[in-house]
Amino acid sequence: MDLPGHIGYSLLGDESISFVRHPQTFLSSKIRRYGPIFVTRLGNRPAVLVTSNGGVEELLNERWMDFQWGYKEYFYDLFSDSLPFLDGKEWEKSRGILASFTTDCRQDYCDKCRKVICEYYEQLDISSPLLMYQMFKELATRLSIFLFLGVDPDDLLFKELSELMSLHWRGIISLPVNITIPFFSIQSGRSKALLAKERLLEIIREKISTSHAASGLTECMEEGQIANNLLVFVSALIPKALGSLLTSLVMELSKPDQAQWKQCHSNGADLEDVLLEVQRLWPPFAGGFRVSRKESQIGGYRIPEGYATGYISFFANRDKEVFPEPEKFKPSRWRKENAGDRDRIWTFGGGPRCCIGKHLVPGLLAVCSQTFLELFDFEVLPGQDLDYKLFPVARPKSDIKVHLKKVKTSFH
């Protein structure tokens, strides 16, 4: 079958602005009109959007070989030859090495990261309300820098790394235009990000020999490959994801009808279900992007070669065909009606080319969440705008203020 929807004309028919500004409204309108799989024009090129759970599963699992990652033309200059931009046997080899690396990190981080987490939580000034997303993002930044580079928050290098990560992130979310006007000291966000990247790589190369996390890679990869891949791990992607998920956790548990789940930290199974439900409802990044290598099909619809093909995790995770009461925060679903569907959420992608941090980030999320819930009771201050935005990272449009109250004095 031919794809429903309308490609429109070059430039005049592009719908990128509407999509980015109001993604939920844009997508809901298209789904009502065309169904869960449709074609439009984004980035001035034909783009297929897949919003159904079954469609995303077909794209990422059954037909993954028909599609390649679509990020190279936009982000390669910011990350170079790292895993997301490799293909073929080179990708297979690097994927295997980095999968073992993240598994080792996951097994090794618990006690070390808990110390960083406890120290951060315990130094918070809770005498007045705190900005929730900023608080959690700062914590996640500390964790990322410590875990992958072995740099403690009190190290002089920590501040520079944090600032470089922020500059690098701004390049990721800016237009891919590298402009510098030397006589007026004007640089685009992209050009600043590229300078930040070079300094980050310089620091990473210096730290490879001393970082415990990187030591497992030195026998399998050349220094340049290690540095490029560690750049992905120490970029702002992990802190943004963790900050988003922790914020969404507190937002959900602050609701009066969810108060019973505040004690989920005392039961490992309960905590796992709560965090899985947070990941289902509030994926940090709204979806992912592929390009068809050849003519293929999704959901019975023909996808021409070279078409951009995006999957929208936010909608696929709320597909009523899979998840009854899809808009409801319901951790109990994972032991009842959705007990067999734990692999049907696409927060970290899926299939052979899923996010390399698919298991690492939820593991860090669990340690951060358990520690936070043990230490604090919390209340989101009333009268705030709680509406979410999806781009560039899912979180409330305004940084929500939360009042914390200690219920446990120490972890030591």
Foldseek 3Di string as FASTA:
>chain_A
DAFDDDADAFPVFEDAVVCQVPVVVVQVVCCVVRNQWHWYHHPRAIEIEHQALQLLCCCFAVCVVQWAADCCVQCCLLQPPALNPDDDPVNVLNLVLLLVLLVVLLVPPQVVLLVLLQVLVQPDDQPDWDLQLVSQLVSQLQSLCCSLQVDHPVDPVSVVLVVLLVLLVQLNPDGSDFDADPVVRDTDSVVSNSVSSVVQLVSNLVRLVPRPSNVSCVVPDPSVHSSSHSCVSNHSPLSLQLSALVQLLCVVCQDPVNVVLLPVLVPPLSLVLQSLLSLLQFQFAQWGKIFGCAWDDGPNHIDHHGHIYIYGLNSNSQNCVQDPVSNDSDSCCCVPVCVPPSQSHQSQHDHPPGHSCPPNSVSVSSSSSSVQSQFWDKHFDPDDQQDWRNPPTTGGPDRTIMRIDTPDNHDD
